[in-house]
Amino acid sequence: MKPISLIIRDTQKAIVEAINGSQLPPSILDQIIAPIHAQIAQAAQQEIAQAEKEYKKEEQKDAESN
């Protein structure tokens, strides 16, 4: 599997290339990117909440087995 640092670099590069290739002005790009960012932020919060739920479940399971 490709290291996360390389995945991040490649993803950033692809996004920048897509933005530059669009040749749209910043005001239009903002209208496109802002809702996408909001969706990503929401998904990240859901991911954190799920991870926390699973972690607490594992902690409880470990505590019960001791």
Protein backbone atom coordinates (compact mmCIF):
# COMPACT_ATOMS: atom_id res chain seq x y z
CA MET A 1 0.00 0.00 0.00
CA LYS A 2 1.21 3.49 -0.83
CA PRO A 3 2.30 5.50 2.25
CA ILE A 4 -0.25 8.06 3.42
CA SER A 5 2.24 10.90 2.92
CA LEU A 6 2.46 10.04 -0.78
CA ILE A 7 -1.31 9.67 -1.07
CA ILE A 8 -1.73 13.13 0.48
CA ARG A 9 0.86 14.64 -1.86
CA ASP A 10 -0.70 13.04 -4.94
CA THR A 11 -4.21 14.06 -3.94
CA GLN A 12 -3.16 17.65 -3.31
CA LYS A 13 -1.40 17.75 -6.66
CA ALA A 14 -4.46 16.38 -8.48
CA ILE A 15 -6.76 18.92 -6.79
CA VAL A 16 -4.44 21.83 -7.63
CA GLU A 17 -4.17 20.66 -11.24
CA ALA A 18 -7.96 20.41 -11.51
CA ILE A 19 -8.41 23.87 -10.03
CA ASN A 20 -5.78 25.41 -12.28
CA GLY A 21 -7.10 23.55 -15.30
CA SER A 22 -10.60 24.89 -14.75
CA GLN A 23 -9.38 28.45 -15.39
CA LEU A 24 -12.24 29.70 -13.24
CA PRO A 25 -11.90 32.86 -11.14
CA PRO A 26 -11.46 32.48 -7.38
CA SER A 27 -14.99 33.72 -6.68
CA ILE A 28 -16.46 30.86 -8.72
CA LEU A 29 -14.00 28.31 -7.34
CA ASP A 30 -15.07 29.32 -3.84
CA GLN A 31 -18.70 28.56 -4.72
CA ILE A 32 -17.64 25.13 -5.91
CA ILE A 33 -15.16 24.28 -3.17
CA ALA A 34 -17.01 25.62 -0.10
CA PRO A 35 -19.84 23.06 -0.19
CA ILE A 36 -17.38 20.26 -0.91
CA HIS A 37 -15.32 21.32 2.10
CA ALA A 38 -18.45 21.38 4.25
CA GLN A 39 -19.28 17.82 3.18
CA ILE A 40 -15.75 16.66 3.92
CA ALA A 41 -15.79 18.32 7.35
CA GLN A 42 -19.11 16.66 8.17
CA ALA A 43 -17.84 13.25 7.03
CA ALA A 44 -14.69 13.71 9.12
CA GLN A 45 -16.76 14.48 12.21
CA GLN A 46 -18.87 11.38 11.59
CA GLU A 47 -15.72 9.31 11.18
CA ILE A 48 -14.35 10.61 14.49
CA ALA A 49 -17.64 9.94 16.27
CA GLN A 50 -17.73 6.38 14.92
CA ALA A 51 -14.11 5.75 15.92
CA GLU A 52 -14.81 7.07 19.41
CA LYS A 53 -17.88 4.84 19.71
CA GLU A 54 -15.90 1.77 18.64
CA TYR A 55 -13.02 2.65 20.97
CA LYS A 56 -15.35 3.02 23.97
CA LYS A 57 -17.00 -0.29 23.09
CA GLU A 58 -13.61 -2.02 23.01
CA GLU A 59 -12.61 -0.38 26.32
CA GLN A 60 -15.80 -1.59 27.93
CA LYS A 61 -15.28 -5.09 26.52
CA ASP A 62 -11.70 -5.14 27.86
CA ALA A 63 -12.81 -3.89 31.28
CA GLU A 64 -15.47 -6.59 31.50
CA SER A 65 -12.97 -9.33 30.63
CA ASN A 66 -10.59 -8.25 33.46
